[in-house]
Amino acid sequence: MSDAAPRHVEALRGRVTRGVFGKGTKSEREAVFITTAEGRFVLRRKGGPAMGDEALEAYVGKDVACDGFVLDSTLLAERIAIVGGT
């Protein structure tokens, strides 16, 4: 567990993809990610399930802007909006 505090972000832009999280570990699973200029983060919705959030499927392959909190390798999104023509 990390001692880092969550960092608030606004309009963090990136592309949403699906891939393997924790490859080769007992935590290995399929996850939805957002790749930004800052790095790659597991994307979660505030109030959504930690795994298997079907609502995130609508964003896969899209460019989005998110408001929320970054903690370690996770972006906990309070708002997700599709940007551009993707």
PDB file of N, CA and C in Angstrom:
ATOM      1  N   MET A   1       0.848  -1.178   0.000  1.00  0.00           N
ATOM      2  CA  MET A   1       0.000   0.000   0.000  1.00  0.00           C
ATOM      3  C   MET A   1       0.888   1.234   0.000  1.00  0.00           C
ATOM      4  N   SER A   2       0.443   2.287  -0.679  1.00  0.00           N
ATOM      5  CA  SER A   2       1.238   3.496  -0.827  1.00  0.00           C
ATOM      6  C   SER A   2       0.937   4.500   0.270  1.00  0.00           C
ATOM      7  N   ASP A   3       1.960   5.288   0.590  1.00  0.00           N
ATOM      8  CA  ASP A   3       1.775   6.392   1.528  1.00  0.00           C
ATOM      9  C   ASP A   3       1.454   7.687   0.794  1.00  0.00           C
ATOM     10  N   ALA A   4       1.442   7.652  -0.543  1.00  0.00           N
ATOM     11  CA  ALA A   4       1.186   8.847  -1.339  1.00  0.00           C
ATOM     12  C   ALA A   4      -0.263   9.290  -1.184  1.00  0.00           C
ATOM     13  N   ALA A   5      -0.440  10.603  -1.161  1.00  0.00           N
ATOM     14  CA  ALA A   5      -1.789  11.162  -1.077  1.00  0.00           C
ATOM     15  C   ALA A   5      -2.389  11.232  -2.477  1.00  0.00           C
ATOM     16  N   PRO A   6      -3.704  11.090  -2.599  1.00  0.00           N
ATOM     17  CA  PRO A   6      -4.344  11.263  -3.903  1.00  0.00           C
ATOM     18  C   PRO A   6      -4.080  12.671  -4.428  1.00  0.00           C
ATOM     19  N   ARG A   7      -3.879  12.772  -5.749  1.00  0.00           N
ATOM     20  CA  ARG A   7      -3.628  14.062  -6.392  1.00  0.00           C
ATOM     21  C   ARG A   7      -4.819  14.398  -7.279  1.00  0.00           C
ATOM     22  N   HIS A   8      -5.434  15.563  -7.039  1.00  0.00           N
ATOM     23  CA  HIS A   8      -6.592  15.989  -7.824  1.00  0.00           C
ATOM     24  C   HIS A   8      -6.145  16.412  -9.218  1.00  0.00           C
ATOM     25  N   VAL A   9      -6.894  15.973 -10.234  1.00  0.00           N
ATOM     26  CA  VAL A   9      -6.626  16.370 -11.615  1.00  0.00           C
ATOM     27  C   VAL A   9      -7.917  16.867 -12.241  1.00  0.00           C
ATOM     28  N   GLU A  10      -7.774  17.816 -13.164  1.00  0.00           N
ATOM     29  CA  GLU A  10      -8.914  18.329 -13.927  1.00  0.00           C
ATOM     30  C   GLU A  10      -8.572  18.279 -15.400  1.00  0.00           C
ATOM     31  N   ALA A  11      -9.501  17.793 -16.186  1.00  0.00           N
ATOM     32  CA  ALA A  11      -9.370  17.719 -17.644  1.00  0.00           C
ATOM     33  C   ALA A  11      -8.108  16.976 -18.073  1.00  0.00           C
ATOM     34  N   LEU A  12      -7.749  15.925 -17.352  1.00  0.00           N
ATOM     35  CA  LEU A  12      -6.612  15.085 -17.731  1.00  0.00           C
ATOM     36  C   LEU A  12      -7.019  14.317 -18.980  1.00  0.00           C
ATOM     37  N   ARG A  13      -6.273  14.532 -20.062  1.00  0.00           N
ATOM     38  CA  ARG A  13      -6.648  13.951 -21.350  1.00  0.00           C
ATOM     39  C   ARG A  13      -5.824  12.723 -21.666  1.00  0.00           C
ATOM     40  N   GLY A  14      -6.476  11.780 -22.329  1.00  0.00           N
ATOM     41  CA  GLY A  14      -5.768  10.589 -22.766  1.00  0.00           C
ATOM     42  C   GLY A  14      -6.662   9.670 -23.570  1.00  0.00           C
ATOM     43  N   ARG A  15      -6.077   8.567 -24.021  1.00  0.00           N
ATOM     44  CA  ARG A  15      -6.812   7.557 -24.794  1.00  0.00           C
ATOM     45  C   ARG A  15      -7.095   6.364 -23.899  1.00  0.00           C
ATOM     46  N   VAL A  16      -8.327   5.875 -23.995  1.00  0.00           N
ATOM     47  CA  VAL A  16      -8.760   4.736 -23.181  1.00  0.00           C
ATOM     48  C   VAL A  16      -8.543   3.443 -23.973  1.00  0.00           C
ATOM     49  N   THR A  17      -7.916   2.467 -23.301  1.00  0.00           N
ATOM     50  CA  THR A  17      -7.646   1.162 -23.902  1.00  0.00           C
ATOM     51  C   THR A  17      -7.989   0.064 -22.900  1.00  0.00           C
ATOM     52  N   ARG A  18      -7.995  -1.156 -23.379  1.00  0.00           N
ATOM     53  CA  ARG A  18      -8.204  -2.315 -22.514  1.00  0.00           C
ATOM     54  C   ARG A  18      -6.932  -3.148 -22.572  1.00  0.00           C
ATOM     55  N   GLY A  19      -6.531  -3.723 -21.448  1.00  0.00           N
ATOM     56  CA  GLY A  19      -5.323  -4.541 -21.429  1.00  0.00           C
ATOM     57  C   GLY A  19      -5.209  -5.326 -20.140  1.00  0.00           C
ATOM     58  N   VAL A  20      -4.053  -5.959 -19.967  1.00  0.00           N
ATOM     59  CA  VAL A  20      -3.806  -6.797 -18.796  1.00  0.00           C
ATOM     60  C   VAL A  20      -3.152  -5.960 -17.707  1.00  0.00           C
ATOM     61  N   PHE A  21      -3.683  -6.057 -16.514  1.00  0.00           N
ATOM     62  CA  PHE A  21      -3.120  -5.410 -15.324  1.00  0.00           C
ATOM     63  C   PHE A  21      -2.468  -6.480 -14.462  1.00  0.00           C
ATOM     64  N   GLY A  22      -1.280  -6.207 -13.951  1.00  0.00           N
ATOM     65  CA  GLY A  22      -0.616  -7.136 -13.032  1.00  0.00           C
ATOM     66  C   GLY A  22      -0.176  -8.428 -13.687  1.00  0.00           C
ATOM     67  N   LYS A  23       0.276  -8.343 -14.946  1.00  0.00           N
ATOM     68  CA  LYS A  23       0.645  -9.548 -15.690  1.00  0.00           C
ATOM     69  C   LYS A  23       1.653 -10.390 -14.907  1.00  0.00           C
ATOM     70  N   GLY A  24       1.362 -11.677 -14.829  1.00  0.00           N
ATOM     71  CA  GLY A  24       2.249 -12.618 -14.164  1.00  0.00           C
ATOM     72  C   GLY A  24       2.119 -12.656 -12.650  1.00  0.00           C
ATOM     73  N   THR A  25       1.144 -11.928 -12.100  1.00  0.00           N
ATOM     74  CA  THR A  25       0.929 -11.927 -10.652  1.00  0.00           C
ATOM     75  C   THR A  25      -0.418 -12.562 -10.342  1.00  0.00           C
ATOM     76  N   LYS A  26      -0.670 -12.811  -9.073  1.00  0.00           N
ATOM     77  CA  LYS A  26      -1.985 -13.358  -8.708  1.00  0.00           C
ATOM     78  C   LYS A  26      -3.091 -12.317  -8.875  1.00  0.00           C
ATOM     79  N   SER A  27      -2.705 -11.048  -9.081  1.00  0.00           N
ATOM     80  CA  SER A  27      -3.679  -9.975  -9.312  1.00  0.00           C
ATOM     81  C   SER A  27      -3.957  -9.754 -10.794  1.00  0.00           C
ATOM     82  N   GLU A  28      -3.382 -10.587 -11.674  1.00  0.00           N
ATOM     83  CA  GLU A  28      -3.555 -10.395 -13.115  1.00  0.00           C
ATOM     84  C   GLU A  28      -5.035 -10.418 -13.482  1.00  0.00           C
ATOM     85  N   ARG A  29      -5.428  -9.416 -14.278  1.00  0.00           N
ATOM     86  CA  ARG A  29      -6.820  -9.313 -14.729  1.00  0.00           C
ATOM     87  C   ARG A  29      -6.894  -8.370 -15.909  1.00  0.00           C
ATOM     88  N   GLU A  30      -7.999  -8.432 -16.623  1.00  0.00           N
ATOM     89  CA  GLU A  30      -8.292  -7.496 -17.701  1.00  0.00           C
ATOM     90  C   GLU A  30      -8.749  -6.193 -17.061  1.00  0.00           C
ATOM     91  N   ALA A  31      -8.242  -5.059 -17.571  1.00  0.00           N
ATOM     92  CA  ALA A  31      -8.603  -3.760 -17.002  1.00  0.00           C
ATOM     93  C   ALA A  31      -8.734  -2.726 -18.112  1.00  0.00           C
ATOM     94  N   VAL A  32      -9.375  -1.618 -17.780  1.00  0.00           N
ATOM     95  CA  VAL A  32      -9.479  -0.472 -18.675  1.00  0.00           C
ATOM     96  C   VAL A  32      -8.461   0.555 -18.193  1.00  0.00           C
ATOM     97  N   PHE A  33      -7.659   1.075 -19.143  1.00  0.00           N
ATOM     98  CA  PHE A  33      -6.601   2.030 -18.838  1.00  0.00           C
ATOM     99  C   PHE A  33      -6.846   3.344 -19.554  1.00  0.00           C
ATOM    100  N   ILE A  34      -6.243   4.412 -19.032  1.00  0.00           N
ATOM    101  CA  ILE A  34      -6.137   5.671 -19.751  1.00  0.00           C
ATOM    102  C   ILE A  34      -4.655   5.979 -19.870  1.00  0.00           C
ATOM    103  N   THR A  35      -4.214   6.235 -21.099  1.00  0.00           N
ATOM    104  CA  THR A  35      -2.823   6.593 -21.349  1.00  0.00           C
ATOM    105  C   THR A  35      -2.773   8.086 -21.609  1.00  0.00           C
ATOM    106  N   THR A  36      -2.034   8.805 -20.762  1.00  0.00           N
ATOM    107  CA  THR A  36      -1.935  10.263 -20.819  1.00  0.00           C
ATOM    108  C   THR A  36      -0.477  10.661 -21.000  1.00  0.00           C
ATOM    109  N   ALA A  37      -0.231  11.962 -21.118  1.00  0.00           N
ATOM    110  CA  ALA A  37       1.144  12.465 -21.176  1.00  0.00           C
ATOM    111  C   ALA A  37       1.883  12.166 -19.871  1.00  0.00           C
ATOM    112  N   GLU A  38       1.139  11.975 -18.779  1.00  0.00           N
ATOM    113  CA  GLU A  38       1.739  11.685 -17.467  1.00  0.00           C
ATOM    114  C   GLU A  38       2.041  10.205 -17.262  1.00  0.00           C
ATOM    115  N   GLY A  39       1.409   9.341 -18.053  1.00  0.00           N
ATOM    116  CA  GLY A  39       1.616   7.909 -17.897  1.00  0.00           C
ATOM    117  C   GLY A  39       0.339   7.124 -18.137  1.00  0.00           C
ATOM    118  N   ARG A  40       0.395   5.840 -17.797  1.00  0.00           N
ATOM    119  CA  ARG A  40      -0.742   4.929 -17.989  1.00  0.00           C
ATOM    120  C   ARG A  40      -1.339   4.595 -16.631  1.00  0.00           C
ATOM    121  N   PHE A  41      -2.665   4.761 -16.532  1.00  0.00           N
ATOM    122  CA  PHE A  41      -3.367   4.553 -15.272  1.00  0.00           C
ATOM    123  C   PHE A  41      -4.547   3.611 -15.484  1.00  0.00           C
ATOM    124  N   VAL A  42      -4.824   2.771 -14.490  1.00  0.00           N
ATOM    125  CA  VAL A  42      -6.069   2.010 -14.486  1.00  0.00           C
ATOM    126  C   VAL A  42      -7.192   3.028 -14.304  1.00  0.00           C
ATOM    127  N   LEU A  43      -8.209   2.950 -15.147  1.00  0.00           N
ATOM    128  CA  LEU A  43      -9.324   3.902 -15.084  1.00  0.00           C
ATOM    129  C   LEU A  43     -10.472   3.290 -14.301  1.00  0.00           C
ATOM    130  N   ARG A  44     -10.908   4.011 -13.287  1.00  0.00           N
ATOM    131  CA  ARG A  44     -12.071   3.606 -12.483  1.00  0.00           C
ATOM    132  C   ARG A  44     -13.017   4.787 -12.377  1.00  0.00           C
ATOM    133  N   ARG A  45     -14.297   4.484 -12.261  1.00  0.00           N
ATOM    134  CA  ARG A  45     -15.304   5.528 -12.018  1.00  0.00           C
ATOM    135  C   ARG A  45     -15.577   5.615 -10.531  1.00  0.00           C
ATOM    136  N   LYS A  46     -15.659   6.845 -10.021  1.00  0.00           N
ATOM    137  CA  LYS A  46     -16.063   7.025  -8.626  1.00  0.00           C
ATOM    138  C   LYS A  46     -17.464   6.439  -8.476  1.00  0.00           C
ATOM    139  N   GLY A  47     -17.649   5.582  -7.501  1.00  0.00           N
ATOM    140  CA  GLY A  47     -18.944   4.945  -7.281  1.00  0.00           C
ATOM    141  C   GLY A  47     -19.150   3.686  -8.102  1.00  0.00           C
ATOM    142  N   GLY A  48     -18.218   3.401  -9.021  1.00  0.00           N
ATOM    143  CA  GLY A  48     -18.329   2.201  -9.846  1.00  0.00           C
ATOM    144  C   GLY A  48     -17.589   1.043  -9.207  1.00  0.00           C
ATOM    145  N   PRO A  49     -17.781  -0.159  -9.741  1.00  0.00           N
ATOM    146  CA  PRO A  49     -17.088  -1.322  -9.187  1.00  0.00           C
ATOM    147  C   PRO A  49     -15.583  -1.245  -9.444  1.00  0.00           C
ATOM    148  N   ALA A  50     -14.803  -1.852  -8.576  1.00  0.00           N
ATOM    149  CA  ALA A  50     -13.345  -1.849  -8.723  1.00  0.00           C
ATOM    150  C   ALA A  50     -12.902  -2.650  -9.945  1.00  0.00           C
ATOM    151  N   MET A  51     -13.659  -3.672 -10.300  1.00  0.00           N
ATOM    152  CA  MET A  51     -13.336  -4.499 -11.463  1.00  0.00           C
ATOM    153  C   MET A  51     -14.608  -4.759 -12.258  1.00  0.00           C
ATOM    154  N   GLY A  52     -14.435  -4.895 -13.569  1.00  0.00           N
ATOM    155  CA  GLY A  52     -15.564  -5.269 -14.415  1.00  0.00           C
ATOM    156  C   GLY A  52     -16.618  -4.194 -14.572  1.00  0.00           C
ATOM    157  N   ASP A  53     -16.206  -2.927 -14.619  1.00  0.00           N
ATOM    158  CA  ASP A  53     -17.161  -1.819 -14.768  1.00  0.00           C
ATOM    159  C   ASP A  53     -17.557  -1.696 -16.241  1.00  0.00           C
ATOM    160  N   GLU A  54     -18.706  -2.248 -16.584  1.00  0.00           N
ATOM    161  CA  GLU A  54     -19.182  -2.258 -17.972  1.00  0.00           C
ATOM    162  C   GLU A  54     -19.380  -0.853 -18.533  1.00  0.00           C
ATOM    163  N   ALA A  55     -19.653   0.133 -17.690  1.00  0.00           N
ATOM    164  CA  ALA A  55     -19.868   1.507 -18.161  1.00  0.00           C
ATOM    165  C   ALA A  55     -18.613   2.076 -18.817  1.00  0.00           C
ATOM    166  N   LEU A  56     -17.437   1.594 -18.430  1.00  0.00           N
ATOM    167  CA  LEU A  56     -16.190   2.102 -19.014  1.00  0.00           C
ATOM    168  C   LEU A  56     -15.977   1.613 -20.442  1.00  0.00           C
ATOM    169  N   GLU A  57     -16.664   0.550 -20.839  1.00  0.00           N
ATOM    170  CA  GLU A  57     -16.506   0.004 -22.192  1.00  0.00           C
ATOM    171  C   GLU A  57     -16.844   1.037 -23.259  1.00  0.00           C
ATOM    172  N   ALA A  58     -17.748   1.960 -22.972  1.00  0.00           N
ATOM    173  CA  ALA A  58     -18.145   2.989 -23.938  1.00  0.00           C
ATOM    174  C   ALA A  58     -16.990   3.916 -24.297  1.00  0.00           C
ATOM    175  N   TYR A  59     -15.956   3.959 -23.460  1.00  0.00           N
ATOM    176  CA  TYR A  59     -14.831   4.867 -23.680  1.00  0.00           C
ATOM    177  C   TYR A  59     -13.629   4.191 -24.331  1.00  0.00           C
ATOM    178  N   VAL A  60     -13.616   2.873 -24.426  1.00  0.00           N
ATOM    179  CA  VAL A  60     -12.468   2.160 -24.995  1.00  0.00           C
ATOM    180  C   VAL A  60     -12.281   2.584 -26.454  1.00  0.00           C
ATOM    181  N   GLY A  61     -11.040   2.976 -26.790  1.00  0.00           N
ATOM    182  CA  GLY A  61     -10.717   3.443 -28.134  1.00  0.00           C
ATOM    183  C   GLY A  61     -10.978   4.917 -28.345  1.00  0.00           C
ATOM    184  N   LYS A  62     -11.440   5.604 -27.328  1.00  0.00           N
ATOM    185  CA  LYS A  62     -11.788   7.031 -27.424  1.00  0.00           C
ATOM    186  C   LYS A  62     -10.761   7.893 -26.695  1.00  0.00           C
ATOM    187  N   ASP A  63     -10.661   9.148 -27.134  1.00  0.00           N
ATOM    188  CA  ASP A  63      -9.906  10.157 -26.397  1.00  0.00           C
ATOM    189  C   ASP A  63     -10.873  10.809 -25.422  1.00  0.00           C
ATOM    190  N   VAL A  64     -10.443  10.953 -24.179  1.00  0.00           N
ATOM    191  CA  VAL A  64     -11.317  11.490 -23.139  1.00  0.00           C
ATOM    192  C   VAL A  64     -10.584  12.537 -22.310  1.00  0.00           C
ATOM    193  N   ALA A  65     -11.360  13.308 -21.563  1.00  0.00           N
ATOM    194  CA  ALA A  65     -10.847  14.218 -20.536  1.00  0.00           C
ATOM    195  C   ALA A  65     -11.523  13.818 -19.233  1.00  0.00           C
ATOM    196  N   CYS A  66     -10.723  13.700 -18.176  1.00  0.00           N
ATOM    197  CA  CYS A  66     -11.237  13.234 -16.888  1.00  0.00           C
ATOM    198  C   CYS A  66     -10.922  14.218 -15.773  1.00  0.00           C
ATOM    199  N   ASP A  67     -11.857  14.359 -14.866  1.00  0.00           N
ATOM    200  CA  ASP A  67     -11.628  15.029 -13.587  1.00  0.00           C
ATOM    201  C   ASP A  67     -11.667  13.937 -12.535  1.00  0.00           C
ATOM    202  N   GLY A  68     -10.805  14.050 -11.541  1.00  0.00           N
ATOM    203  CA  GLY A  68     -10.811  13.049 -10.483  1.00  0.00           C
ATOM    204  C   GLY A  68      -9.536  13.074  -9.682  1.00  0.00           C
ATOM    205  N   PHE A  69      -9.098  11.891  -9.271  1.00  0.00           N
ATOM    206  CA  PHE A  69      -7.925  11.771  -8.407  1.00  0.00           C
ATOM    207  C   PHE A  69      -7.010  10.666  -8.910  1.00  0.00           C
ATOM    208  N   VAL A  70      -5.713  10.959  -8.952  1.00  0.00           N
ATOM    209  CA  VAL A  70      -4.699   9.965  -9.289  1.00  0.00           C
ATOM    210  C   VAL A  70      -4.073   9.485  -7.994  1.00  0.00           C
ATOM    211  N   LEU A  71      -4.024   8.176  -7.835  1.00  0.00           N
ATOM    212  CA  LEU A  71      -3.354   7.559  -6.693  1.00  0.00           C
ATOM    213  C   LEU A  71      -2.576   6.365  -7.221  1.00  0.00           C
ATOM    214  N   ASP A  72      -1.256   6.459  -7.130  1.00  0.00           N
ATOM    215  CA  ASP A  72      -0.377   5.417  -7.666  1.00  0.00           C
ATOM    216  C   ASP A  72      -0.692   5.191  -9.140  1.00  0.00           C
ATOM    217  N   SER A  73      -1.131   4.001  -9.501  1.00  0.00           N
ATOM    218  CA  SER A  73      -1.372   3.666 -10.907  1.00  0.00           C
ATOM    219  C   SER A  73      -2.851   3.706 -11.283  1.00  0.00           C
ATOM    220  N   THR A  74      -3.668   4.390 -10.484  1.00  0.00           N
ATOM    221  CA  THR A  74      -5.114   4.438 -10.718  1.00  0.00           C
ATOM    222  C   THR A  74      -5.605   5.873 -10.860  1.00  0.00           C
ATOM    223  N   LEU A  75      -6.506   6.093 -11.829  1.00  0.00           N
ATOM    224  CA  LEU A  75      -7.233   7.356 -11.940  1.00  0.00           C
ATOM    225  C   LEU A  75      -8.673   7.069 -11.539  1.00  0.00           C
ATOM    226  N   LEU A  76      -9.100   7.632 -10.426  1.00  0.00           N
ATOM    227  CA  LEU A  76     -10.476   7.502  -9.955  1.00  0.00           C
ATOM    228  C   LEU A  76     -11.237   8.704 -10.498  1.00  0.00           C
ATOM    229  N   ALA A  77     -12.029   8.479 -11.544  1.00  0.00           N
ATOM    230  CA  ALA A  77     -12.668   9.563 -12.280  1.00  0.00           C
ATOM    231  C   ALA A  77     -14.023   9.942 -11.696  1.00  0.00           C
ATOM    232  N   GLU A  78     -14.186  11.229 -11.465  1.00  0.00           N
ATOM    233  CA  GLU A  78     -15.483  11.779 -11.068  1.00  0.00           C
ATOM    234  C   GLU A  78     -16.276  12.199 -12.301  1.00  0.00           C
ATOM    235  N   ARG A  79     -15.551  12.502 -13.390  1.00  0.00           N
ATOM    236  CA  ARG A  79     -16.175  12.904 -14.656  1.00  0.00           C
ATOM    237  C   ARG A  79     -15.315  12.387 -15.790  1.00  0.00           C
ATOM    238  N   ILE A  80     -15.962  11.814 -16.803  1.00  0.00           N
ATOM    239  CA  ILE A  80     -15.282  11.361 -18.017  1.00  0.00           C
ATOM    240  C   ILE A  80     -16.067  11.914 -19.195  1.00  0.00           C
ATOM    241  N   ALA A  81     -15.375  12.620 -20.090  1.00  0.00           N
ATOM    242  CA  ALA A  81     -16.034  13.175 -21.274  1.00  0.00           C
ATOM    243  C   ALA A  81     -15.221  12.823 -22.513  1.00  0.00           C
ATOM    244  N   ILE A  82     -15.903  12.362 -23.552  1.00  0.00           N
ATOM    245  CA  ILE A  82     -15.235  12.088 -24.823  1.00  0.00           C
ATOM    246  C   ILE A  82     -14.882  13.424 -25.459  1.00  0.00           C
ATOM    247  N   VAL A  83     -13.657  13.520 -25.981  1.00  0.00           N
ATOM    248  CA  VAL A  83     -13.201  14.753 -26.626  1.00  0.00           C
ATOM    249  C   VAL A  83     -12.826  14.457 -28.069  1.00  0.00           C
ATOM    250  N   GLY A  84     -12.898  15.475 -28.908  1.00  0.00           N
ATOM    251  CA  GLY A  84     -12.532  15.302 -30.310  1.00  0.00           C
ATOM    252  C   GLY A  84     -13.558  14.479 -31.052  1.00  0.00           C
ATOM    253  N   GLY A  85     -13.167  14.019 -32.213  1.00  0.00           N
ATOM    254  CA  GLY A  85     -14.079  13.266 -33.060  1.00  0.00           C
ATOM    255  C   GLY A  85     -13.890  11.773 -32.981  1.00  0.00           C
ATOM    256  N   THR A  86     -13.327  11.275 -31.887  1.00  0.00           N
ATOM    257  CA  THR A  86     -13.059   9.835 -31.805  1.00  0.00           C
ATOM    258  C   THR A  86     -14.261   9.056 -31.358  1.00  0.00           C
TER     259      THR A  86
END
